Amino acid sequence: MDHDDSRTRARALEVVAAVAERLSDPRHVAAHATPTAEYAGSLLANGHAGVALLFIELGRWEPRWNVPGTAHLLASVAGLKGAASRVGLFGGLAGLGFACRLVASEQEGYLSVRQHVRSPVNATAVRLAAALHERFSHGEPNLGVNDYDLFYGLTGLGTYLLAEDKADDGGLVGVIDALSLLAGTREIAGHRVPSAWVERTPLIGYPQGYLNLGLAHGLAGVLAFLASALLVGVEFPRQRETVEHLATWLLAQRRPDRRGRLCWPRILSFGEVTGVANTTPLTQLGWCYGSVGVANALRLAARALHRPEWMRDAITTMRDGFDVAGDLDHVRDAGICHGWAGLLCLVLRALDDVTEPQARDALQELSTTLAERVLGQFEPDSRFGFRAVHGNEMYDDPGFALGAAGTALALHAYATGQPPRSGWDSALLLVPPPVDGSAE
C-alpha cells in the first residue's frame, strides 16, 4: 500500500465515523430524512433496516456500534407493523429479516423477529412462484421486472431465504424452480425472445417490451442469485443448467460500444433481441445496470461452475466498462445503486478473483480512484454527510440503496482492505449470503 492509498483509506475511515454519528439516533434520522413513500422509513432500501446494516458491520469491528444497530432494527420492526403484505428484500419484510440475520447474536429478540418474518416471506415466495408457473403454463406470463428482480421480486426473496436458512419450507425451492423458467424462450409478435421478456413496462418507446439485463432488476441478478446458491451448496433440479444457459446467453449479448469494446447494454429492445435493428447499445456505469454489474454476475457463475474463461471475460469486460467516457459523465452521486459507492463495491469484490499481478494492480488503483470520487461527494454541512440525487433534485436519504448508510459501508470496506465481516454486500448479489451466520 503506497502513501496515497494510506491517506485515502484514513480519510475514508474519518468520513465513515462522521456519517455513523449522524445516523446513530433513529429518531434524528426519521425527523431529518427527506419525506418519501409510506413505510419507506423502515425498509432496507432507504430506511431503518438499511441503516442498521451499517451499524451491524461496524459492530463487528467496534462493539459500541451495536447499540444504534439494535435501535434501528427496533425502529424498523415498529414501522413495518401493519405492512406485512410488503415482503420484498429492498421494499418489505424480507429486508428486515435479512438485517436481523446478519446480527452476530442469537439473542431471543432477534430470533423472534426472524421467525415472525420468515413465515410470511416464505409463504409469499411459495405463492408467487406458483403463480409464475401458472402464468407461463397458460402462455401469457405478462412479466414486469418486479416479478423476478432483486428489489421487489423472487430474486430478492430467494436471497433472503438463502441467507436465513438452508433448510427449506418450500419457498427457496419454489423461487429457484420459478426462476429457472427464465432460461427458456417464448414468442412475441412472431419472434422468439427470452422468457424473461418484460411486457409490463412504464418505459416510453418500448411498445413491445424489452429485456432487462441489469443486476438490480434483470437477468444478471437472476444469474448472480442462482450461482450464489450453488456456491453455498444449495442446488435444485434445473438450477445448474439455468446458470449455464444464462451465462452463455449473456456473454453472447455483448455489443461493441463507440470505441469497439464489448459491453453489456442496459436493456435490449425488441429490435435488438430479434436482430431487426442494429443500434449502438444503451449503456450505463453503475451497480444496478451496465457492464460492471453484469460482469459481477458472470464472475459468480464462473466460480460456481468452475469456468475460468468466463472469469477472464468478466474481469476484462468490467475493466473496459470504466473506459466508456460518456458513462462516467453520467455518474452523479455517491450512492450504492447508481453511484460511485456501488462501483467501488463491485471492484473490491472482483479483486477476490483476480490473481494476475498487473490486473490486480490496475483494480487496486481503480478502487482508490473510486473511493476518492465517493469522498469528493461528502458534504460536512448536510444532514447525513452524503446526499442522494433523483432527477435534478438532491435529497437527504439515510438509507442503504441510495443514501448515506450504503455509501459509508462501501467506504468502510475500502478503508479496511478486508471483506465485510457481516456479509452485508450479499444483499447486492456480490457474494453468497452468509448462511452460517458469518461472512466469508
Protein backbone atom coordinates (compact mmCIF):
# COMPACT_ATOMS: atom_id res chain seq x y z
CA MET A 1 0.00 0.00 0.00
CA ASP A 2 1.54 3.32 -1.01
CA HIS A 3 1.32 6.60 0.90
CA ASP A 4 -1.51 7.99 -1.24
CA ASP A 5 -3.59 4.87 -0.63
CA SER A 6 -2.97 5.16 3.10
CA ARG A 7 -4.19 8.74 3.18
CA THR A 8 -7.30 7.89 1.19
CA ARG A 9 -8.11 4.96 3.47
CA ALA A 10 -7.57 7.07 6.58
CA ARG A 11 -9.84 9.78 5.20
CA ALA A 12 -12.45 7.15 4.37
CA LEU A 13 -12.48 5.94 7.98
CA GLU A 14 -12.92 9.51 9.19
CA VAL A 15 -15.89 10.03 6.92
CA VAL A 16 -17.44 6.69 7.91
CA ALA A 17 -17.24 7.72 11.58
CA ALA A 18 -18.80 11.11 10.81
CA VAL A 19 -21.68 9.51 8.90
CA ALA A 20 -22.23 6.89 11.60
CA GLU A 21 -22.52 9.55 14.30
CA ARG A 22 -25.17 11.37 12.27
CA LEU A 23 -27.14 8.17 11.72
CA SER A 24 -26.85 6.73 15.22
CA ASP A 25 -30.18 8.03 16.56
CA PRO A 26 -33.22 6.60 14.72
CA ARG A 27 -35.39 9.50 15.88
CA HIS A 28 -32.97 12.03 14.42
CA VAL A 29 -32.82 10.06 11.17
CA ALA A 30 -36.61 9.86 10.88
CA ALA A 31 -37.00 13.56 11.65
CA HIS A 32 -34.46 14.76 9.08
CA ALA A 33 -34.80 12.36 6.16
CA THR A 34 -36.47 13.80 3.08
CA PRO A 35 -40.06 12.50 3.21
CA THR A 36 -40.67 9.53 0.92
CA ALA A 37 -43.38 6.95 0.39
CA GLU A 38 -45.36 5.30 3.19
CA TYR A 39 -43.29 2.76 5.19
CA ALA A 40 -40.12 3.83 3.35
CA GLY A 41 -38.61 4.87 6.67
CA SER A 42 -38.45 1.23 7.79
CA LEU A 43 -37.13 -0.53 4.70
CA LEU A 44 -33.78 -1.91 3.62
CA ALA A 45 -33.65 0.41 0.62
CA ASN A 46 -33.93 3.76 2.34
CA GLY A 47 -34.94 3.29 5.95
CA HIS A 48 -34.04 1.89 9.34
CA ALA A 49 -33.31 -1.68 8.20
CA GLY A 50 -30.76 -0.35 5.70
CA VAL A 51 -29.18 1.98 8.22
CA ALA A 52 -28.93 -0.96 10.61
CA LEU A 53 -26.65 -2.73 8.11
CA LEU A 54 -24.04 -0.01 8.65
CA PHE A 55 -24.04 -0.50 12.42
CA ILE A 56 -24.16 -4.28 12.18
CA GLU A 57 -20.95 -4.16 10.14
CA LEU A 58 -19.29 -1.52 12.34
CA GLY A 59 -20.27 -3.54 15.40
CA ARG A 60 -18.16 -6.43 14.11
CA TRP A 61 -15.16 -4.08 14.40
CA GLU A 62 -16.15 -1.93 17.41
CA PRO A 63 -18.86 -3.31 19.73
CA ARG A 64 -20.01 0.18 20.73
CA TRP A 65 -21.84 0.44 17.40
CA ASN A 66 -24.12 -2.49 18.26
CA VAL A 67 -26.38 -0.20 20.30
CA PRO A 68 -27.51 2.04 17.42
CA GLY A 69 -27.79 -1.05 15.23
CA THR A 70 -30.32 -2.56 17.63
CA ALA A 71 -32.16 0.76 17.87
CA HIS A 72 -32.60 0.95 14.10
CA LEU A 73 -33.80 -2.66 13.89
CA LEU A 74 -36.40 -1.95 16.58
CA ALA A 75 -37.50 1.15 14.67
CA SER A 76 -37.85 -0.94 11.53
CA VAL A 77 -39.95 -3.53 13.38
CA ALA A 78 -42.24 -0.79 14.67
CA GLY A 79 -42.56 0.85 11.27
CA LEU A 80 -43.37 -2.33 9.38
CA LYS A 81 -46.24 -3.38 11.63
CA GLY A 82 -49.35 -3.48 9.50
CA ALA A 83 -47.32 -3.66 6.28
CA ALA A 84 -47.00 -7.43 6.19
CA SER A 85 -48.22 -7.57 2.59
CA ARG A 86 -44.95 -5.95 1.52
CA VAL A 87 -42.30 -8.64 1.66
CA GLY A 88 -39.60 -7.70 -0.87
CA LEU A 89 -35.92 -7.61 0.06
CA PHE A 90 -35.49 -3.88 -0.51
CA GLY A 91 -39.14 -2.94 -0.11
CA GLY A 92 -40.60 -5.03 2.70
CA LEU A 93 -40.29 -7.63 5.45
CA ALA A 94 -37.53 -9.66 3.83
CA GLY A 95 -35.15 -6.71 4.23
CA LEU A 96 -35.78 -6.59 7.98
CA GLY A 97 -35.26 -10.34 8.21
CA PHE A 98 -32.05 -10.10 6.22
CA ALA A 99 -30.66 -7.41 8.54
CA CYS A 100 -31.56 -9.41 11.65
CA ARG A 101 -29.88 -12.47 10.15
CA LEU A 102 -26.58 -10.61 9.90
CA VAL A 103 -26.52 -9.67 13.57
CA ALA A 104 -23.75 -11.59 15.35
CA SER A 105 -26.15 -12.67 18.07
CA GLU A 106 -28.54 -15.48 18.90
CA GLN A 107 -30.47 -13.36 21.40
CA GLU A 108 -34.09 -14.31 21.81
CA GLY A 109 -35.33 -10.96 20.50
CA TYR A 110 -33.55 -11.31 17.17
CA LEU A 111 -34.63 -14.92 16.81
CA SER A 112 -38.24 -13.95 17.48
CA VAL A 113 -38.19 -11.24 14.79
CA ARG A 114 -36.58 -13.63 12.33
CA GLN A 115 -39.25 -16.26 12.99
CA HIS A 116 -42.07 -13.74 12.55
CA VAL A 117 -40.57 -12.50 9.29
CA ARG A 118 -39.64 -15.85 7.77
CA SER A 119 -43.12 -17.36 7.83
CA PRO A 120 -44.95 -14.70 5.74
CA VAL A 121 -41.98 -14.24 3.39
CA ASN A 122 -41.73 -17.98 2.79
CA ALA A 123 -45.49 -18.25 2.21
CA THR A 124 -45.39 -15.34 -0.24
CA ALA A 125 -42.45 -16.87 -2.09
CA VAL A 126 -44.37 -20.14 -2.49
CA ARG A 127 -47.44 -18.29 -3.74
CA LEU A 128 -45.57 -16.03 -6.19
CA ALA A 129 -43.53 -18.93 -7.58
CA ALA A 130 -46.69 -20.98 -8.15
CA ALA A 131 -48.40 -18.00 -9.80
CA LEU A 132 -45.47 -17.52 -12.17
CA HIS A 133 -45.61 -21.19 -13.15
CA GLU A 134 -49.33 -20.88 -13.84
CA ARG A 135 -48.85 -17.78 -15.98
CA PHE A 136 -46.16 -19.50 -18.04
CA SER A 137 -48.27 -22.64 -18.40
CA HIS A 138 -51.05 -20.54 -19.93
CA GLY A 139 -48.59 -18.95 -22.34
CA GLU A 140 -49.22 -15.42 -21.08
CA PRO A 141 -46.74 -14.57 -18.31
CA ASN A 142 -47.10 -10.80 -18.94
CA LEU A 143 -43.98 -10.08 -16.91
CA GLY A 144 -42.88 -6.95 -15.11
CA VAL A 145 -39.39 -6.64 -13.66
CA ASN A 146 -40.80 -6.70 -10.12
CA ASP A 147 -41.95 -10.28 -10.74
CA TYR A 148 -38.39 -11.58 -10.55
CA ASP A 149 -35.97 -8.77 -9.65
CA LEU A 150 -33.78 -8.29 -6.58
CA PHE A 151 -35.57 -5.29 -5.10
CA TYR A 152 -39.16 -6.49 -5.03
CA GLY A 153 -39.37 -9.88 -6.72
CA LEU A 154 -38.37 -13.52 -6.49
CA THR A 155 -34.61 -12.96 -6.71
CA GLY A 156 -34.73 -10.78 -3.60
CA LEU A 157 -36.96 -13.21 -1.70
CA GLY A 158 -34.60 -16.03 -2.65
CA THR A 159 -31.60 -14.04 -1.44
CA TYR A 160 -33.24 -13.56 1.94
CA LEU A 161 -34.39 -17.19 2.24
CA LEU A 162 -30.93 -18.44 1.27
CA ALA A 163 -29.36 -16.26 3.97
CA GLU A 164 -31.91 -17.21 6.59
CA ASP A 165 -31.67 -20.96 6.48
CA LYS A 166 -30.57 -23.67 4.07
CA ALA A 167 -33.38 -25.85 5.44
CA ASP A 168 -36.29 -25.13 3.09
CA ASP A 169 -40.03 -24.92 3.75
CA GLY A 170 -40.86 -24.72 0.08
CA GLY A 171 -40.08 -21.06 -0.52
CA LEU A 172 -36.47 -21.40 -1.62
CA VAL A 173 -37.02 -24.38 -3.90
CA GLY A 174 -40.08 -22.64 -5.31
CA VAL A 175 -38.11 -19.48 -6.08
CA ILE A 176 -35.24 -21.36 -7.75
CA ASP A 177 -37.64 -23.51 -9.75
CA ALA A 178 -39.63 -20.47 -10.91
CA LEU A 179 -36.52 -18.52 -11.87
CA SER A 180 -35.41 -21.48 -13.97
CA LEU A 181 -38.38 -20.72 -16.23
CA LEU A 182 -36.47 -17.64 -17.38
CA ALA A 183 -33.89 -19.79 -19.19
CA GLY A 184 -36.37 -20.61 -21.95
CA THR A 185 -37.85 -18.65 -24.84
CA ARG A 186 -41.33 -17.59 -25.88
CA GLU A 187 -42.99 -15.92 -28.83
CA ILE A 188 -43.65 -12.20 -29.09
CA ALA A 189 -45.07 -10.79 -32.35
CA GLY A 190 -43.88 -13.80 -34.33
CA HIS A 191 -40.34 -13.81 -32.95
CA ARG A 192 -38.68 -15.93 -30.28
CA VAL A 193 -37.44 -13.89 -27.34
CA PRO A 194 -36.04 -14.90 -23.91
CA SER A 195 -38.66 -15.93 -21.37
CA ALA A 196 -37.68 -13.03 -19.12
CA TRP A 197 -39.12 -10.57 -21.66
CA VAL A 198 -40.78 -7.63 -19.87
CA GLU A 199 -44.18 -6.67 -21.27
CA ARG A 200 -45.50 -4.60 -18.37
CA THR A 201 -43.33 -1.51 -18.54
CA PRO A 202 -43.73 2.24 -17.97
CA LEU A 203 -40.82 2.91 -20.34
CA ILE A 204 -41.75 5.06 -23.32
CA GLY A 205 -40.53 3.85 -26.69
CA TYR A 206 -40.79 0.11 -26.00
CA PRO A 207 -44.32 -0.78 -27.18
CA GLN A 208 -43.47 -4.48 -27.45
CA GLY A 209 -41.49 -4.53 -24.20
CA TYR A 210 -37.80 -5.03 -23.57
CA LEU A 211 -35.25 -7.30 -21.90
CA ASN A 212 -33.63 -6.08 -18.70
CA LEU A 213 -30.02 -7.22 -18.30
CA GLY A 214 -29.19 -5.43 -15.04
CA LEU A 215 -28.11 -6.75 -11.67
CA ALA A 216 -30.80 -4.93 -9.70
CA HIS A 217 -33.81 -5.61 -11.90
CA GLY A 218 -32.82 -8.02 -14.66
CA LEU A 219 -31.31 -11.28 -15.79
CA ALA A 220 -27.89 -10.59 -14.29
CA GLY A 221 -29.49 -10.56 -10.85
CA VAL A 222 -31.19 -13.89 -11.51
CA LEU A 223 -27.88 -15.39 -12.62
CA ALA A 224 -25.99 -14.00 -9.62
CA PHE A 225 -28.52 -15.40 -7.17
CA LEU A 226 -28.69 -18.88 -8.72
CA ALA A 227 -24.89 -19.05 -8.87
CA SER A 228 -24.61 -17.88 -5.26
CA ALA A 229 -26.91 -20.67 -4.15
CA LEU A 230 -24.69 -23.22 -5.88
CA LEU A 231 -21.65 -21.72 -4.18
CA VAL A 232 -23.11 -22.42 -0.73
CA GLY A 233 -24.18 -25.95 -1.65
CA VAL A 234 -27.86 -25.28 -2.40
CA GLU A 235 -28.89 -26.97 -5.64
CA PHE A 236 -32.25 -27.98 -7.02
CA PRO A 237 -33.29 -29.51 -10.37
CA ARG A 238 -32.57 -27.36 -13.47
CA GLN A 239 -30.63 -24.80 -11.43
CA ARG A 240 -27.17 -25.67 -12.73
CA GLU A 241 -28.45 -25.83 -16.30
CA THR A 242 -30.11 -22.43 -15.87
CA VAL A 243 -26.84 -20.88 -14.68
CA GLU A 244 -25.05 -22.37 -17.70
CA HIS A 245 -27.72 -21.11 -20.09
CA LEU A 246 -27.99 -17.58 -18.67
CA ALA A 247 -24.21 -17.07 -18.51
CA THR A 248 -23.73 -18.31 -22.06
CA TRP A 249 -26.62 -16.21 -23.34
CA LEU A 250 -25.42 -13.04 -21.56
CA LEU A 251 -21.93 -13.47 -22.98
CA ALA A 252 -23.46 -13.55 -26.46
CA GLN A 253 -25.29 -10.26 -25.82
CA ARG A 254 -22.20 -8.09 -25.50
CA ARG A 255 -22.18 -5.41 -28.18
CA PRO A 256 -19.41 -3.11 -29.42
CA ASP A 257 -19.51 0.31 -27.79
CA ARG A 258 -18.46 3.51 -29.51
CA ARG A 259 -14.81 2.53 -29.11
CA GLY A 260 -15.33 -1.00 -30.38
CA ARG A 261 -15.00 -2.66 -26.97
CA LEU A 262 -17.55 -5.28 -25.97
CA CYS A 263 -20.04 -4.19 -23.33
CA TRP A 264 -23.43 -5.18 -21.99
CA PRO A 265 -26.28 -2.82 -22.78
CA ARG A 266 -28.54 -1.53 -20.05
CA ILE A 267 -31.57 -3.12 -21.71
CA LEU A 268 -32.33 -4.68 -25.09
CA SER A 269 -35.24 -3.56 -27.27
CA PHE A 270 -37.40 -5.88 -29.35
CA GLY A 271 -35.47 -4.96 -32.48
CA GLU A 272 -32.11 -5.58 -30.82
CA VAL A 273 -33.10 -9.00 -29.49
CA THR A 274 -34.68 -10.19 -32.73
CA GLY A 275 -31.98 -8.73 -34.98
CA VAL A 276 -34.27 -6.41 -36.93
CA ALA A 277 -32.43 -3.36 -35.55
CA ASN A 278 -28.72 -2.66 -35.28
CA THR A 279 -28.12 0.22 -32.89
CA THR A 280 -25.39 1.45 -30.58
CA PRO A 281 -26.12 -0.12 -27.16
CA LEU A 282 -27.65 1.99 -24.42
CA THR A 283 -25.00 1.61 -21.72
CA GLN A 284 -24.72 2.67 -18.09
CA LEU A 285 -21.99 2.64 -15.49
CA GLY A 286 -23.45 1.50 -12.20
CA TRP A 287 -24.12 -1.36 -9.84
CA CYS A 288 -27.75 -1.54 -10.92
CA TYR A 289 -27.27 -1.55 -14.70
CA GLY A 290 -24.48 -1.95 -17.22
CA SER A 291 -21.36 -3.95 -17.89
CA VAL A 292 -19.79 -3.76 -14.45
CA GLY A 293 -22.83 -5.22 -12.72
CA VAL A 294 -23.42 -7.92 -15.33
CA ALA A 295 -19.73 -8.85 -15.15
CA ASN A 296 -20.19 -9.44 -11.42
CA ALA A 297 -22.94 -11.99 -12.13
CA LEU A 298 -20.73 -13.75 -14.66
CA ARG A 299 -17.90 -13.78 -12.10
CA LEU A 300 -20.11 -15.66 -9.62
CA ALA A 301 -21.26 -18.07 -12.32
CA ALA A 302 -17.63 -18.73 -13.24
CA ARG A 303 -16.88 -19.64 -9.64
CA ALA A 304 -19.96 -21.83 -9.32
CA LEU A 305 -19.37 -23.84 -12.50
CA HIS A 306 -15.55 -23.64 -12.49
CA ARG A 307 -15.30 -21.81 -15.81
CA PRO A 308 -12.05 -19.82 -15.87
CA GLU A 309 -12.79 -18.49 -19.36
CA TRP A 310 -15.95 -16.83 -18.02
CA MET A 311 -13.90 -15.29 -15.22
CA ARG A 312 -11.44 -13.80 -17.72
CA ASP A 313 -14.30 -12.40 -19.80
CA ALA A 314 -15.98 -10.98 -16.69
CA ILE A 315 -12.90 -9.15 -15.43
CA THR A 316 -11.94 -7.87 -18.88
CA THR A 317 -15.44 -6.54 -19.61
CA MET A 318 -15.64 -5.00 -16.14
CA ARG A 319 -12.35 -3.13 -16.62
CA ASP A 320 -13.37 -2.00 -20.10
CA GLY A 321 -16.64 -0.69 -18.68
CA PHE A 322 -14.78 2.05 -16.85
CA ASP A 323 -13.25 3.30 -20.10
CA VAL A 324 -16.53 4.48 -21.61
CA ALA A 325 -16.18 8.23 -21.10
CA GLY A 326 -19.83 9.03 -21.72
CA ASP A 327 -20.92 6.69 -18.96
CA LEU A 328 -18.50 8.25 -16.46
CA ASP A 329 -20.11 11.62 -17.09
CA HIS A 330 -23.50 10.25 -16.02
CA VAL A 331 -22.39 9.10 -12.55
CA ARG A 332 -23.61 11.98 -10.46
CA ASP A 333 -23.83 10.84 -6.86
CA ALA A 334 -22.05 8.78 -4.25
CA GLY A 335 -24.63 6.09 -3.52
CA ILE A 336 -24.70 2.34 -4.00
CA CYS A 337 -27.39 1.88 -6.64
CA HIS A 338 -26.16 4.06 -9.48
CA GLY A 339 -23.32 5.99 -7.87
CA TRP A 340 -19.63 5.72 -7.12
CA ALA A 341 -20.09 3.60 -3.96
CA GLY A 342 -21.76 0.77 -5.86
CA LEU A 343 -18.97 0.73 -8.42
CA LEU A 344 -16.43 0.66 -5.61
CA CYS A 345 -18.15 -2.38 -4.06
CA LEU A 346 -18.09 -4.23 -7.38
CA VAL A 347 -14.38 -3.62 -7.89
CA LEU A 348 -13.49 -4.61 -4.32
CA ARG A 349 -15.23 -7.97 -4.68
CA ALA A 350 -13.75 -8.54 -8.14
CA LEU A 351 -10.33 -8.35 -6.52
CA ASP A 352 -11.21 -11.60 -4.70
CA ASP A 353 -10.94 -13.44 -8.01
CA VAL A 354 -8.03 -11.68 -9.71
CA THR A 355 -4.60 -13.23 -9.24
CA GLU A 356 -2.64 -11.81 -12.18
CA PRO A 357 -0.37 -9.07 -10.71
CA GLN A 358 -0.90 -6.43 -13.38
CA ALA A 359 -4.67 -6.83 -13.35
CA ARG A 360 -4.72 -6.69 -9.54
CA ASP A 361 -2.64 -3.53 -9.50
CA ALA A 362 -4.98 -1.92 -12.03
CA LEU A 363 -8.07 -2.81 -9.99
CA GLN A 364 -6.43 -1.67 -6.75
CA GLU A 365 -5.65 1.68 -8.35
CA LEU A 366 -9.19 1.88 -9.69
CA SER A 367 -10.63 1.19 -6.24
CA THR A 368 -8.69 4.13 -4.83
CA THR A 369 -9.90 6.37 -7.66
CA LEU A 370 -13.48 5.34 -6.97
CA ALA A 371 -13.07 5.87 -3.22
CA GLU A 372 -11.77 9.36 -3.92
CA ARG A 373 -14.82 10.03 -6.11
CA VAL A 374 -17.06 8.95 -3.22
CA LEU A 375 -15.16 11.11 -0.75
CA GLY A 376 -15.46 14.04 -3.13
CA GLN A 377 -19.25 13.88 -2.65
CA PHE A 378 -19.03 14.20 1.15
CA GLU A 379 -20.89 17.29 2.38
CA PRO A 380 -19.98 18.05 6.01
CA ASP A 381 -22.85 20.52 6.35
CA SER A 382 -25.53 18.12 5.12
CA ARG A 383 -27.76 16.18 7.48
CA PHE A 384 -26.21 12.74 6.94
CA GLY A 385 -22.93 13.59 5.21
CA PHE A 386 -23.99 12.42 1.76
CA ARG A 387 -26.98 13.49 -0.32
CA ALA A 388 -28.82 11.43 -2.91
CA VAL A 389 -29.65 12.53 -6.45
CA HIS A 390 -33.06 11.97 -8.01
CA GLY A 391 -33.58 13.61 -11.36
CA ASN A 392 -32.43 17.17 -10.91
CA GLU A 393 -33.02 17.25 -7.17
CA MET A 394 -30.85 16.48 -4.16
CA TYR A 395 -32.36 14.98 -1.05
CA ASP A 396 -31.38 13.61 2.34
CA ASP A 397 -31.56 9.80 2.21
CA PRO A 398 -30.08 7.96 5.20
CA GLY A 399 -30.53 4.52 3.67
CA PHE A 400 -28.70 1.68 2.02
CA ALA A 401 -29.52 1.71 -1.70
CA LEU A 402 -29.14 5.40 -2.47
CA GLY A 403 -28.22 7.03 0.79
CA ALA A 404 -25.58 7.69 3.39
CA ALA A 405 -25.53 4.29 5.13
CA GLY A 406 -24.75 2.37 1.95
CA THR A 407 -22.11 4.89 0.93
CA ALA A 408 -20.43 4.62 4.32
CA LEU A 409 -20.44 0.81 4.09
CA ALA A 410 -18.62 0.95 0.76
CA LEU A 411 -16.03 3.35 2.15
CA HIS A 412 -15.53 1.14 5.20
CA ALA A 413 -14.88 -1.93 3.04
CA TYR A 414 -12.30 0.06 1.07
CA ALA A 415 -10.68 1.56 4.17
CA THR A 416 -10.22 -1.75 6.00
CA GLY A 417 -8.95 -3.59 2.94
CA GLN A 418 -10.90 -6.66 4.09
CA PRO A 419 -14.18 -8.27 3.03
CA PRO A 420 -17.17 -7.15 5.11
CA ARG A 421 -17.34 -9.22 8.28
CA SER A 422 -21.14 -9.25 8.40
CA GLY A 423 -21.63 -10.13 4.73
CA TRP A 424 -23.86 -7.09 4.13
CA ASP A 425 -22.86 -6.89 0.45
CA SER A 426 -24.60 -10.20 -0.24
CA ALA A 427 -27.75 -8.05 -0.41
CA LEU A 428 -26.18 -6.59 -3.57
CA LEU A 429 -25.50 -10.07 -5.02
CA LEU A 430 -21.74 -9.54 -4.80
CA VAL A 431 -21.13 -12.67 -2.71
CA PRO A 432 -23.29 -15.56 -1.49
CA PRO A 433 -25.26 -14.82 1.70
CA PRO A 434 -23.51 -15.83 4.94
CA VAL A 435 -25.69 -18.91 5.50
CA ASP A 436 -23.76 -19.98 8.59
CA GLY A 437 -24.24 -16.66 10.33
CA SER A 438 -20.81 -15.29 9.46
CA ALA A 439 -19.40 -13.67 6.36
CA GLU A 440 -16.95 -15.35 4.03
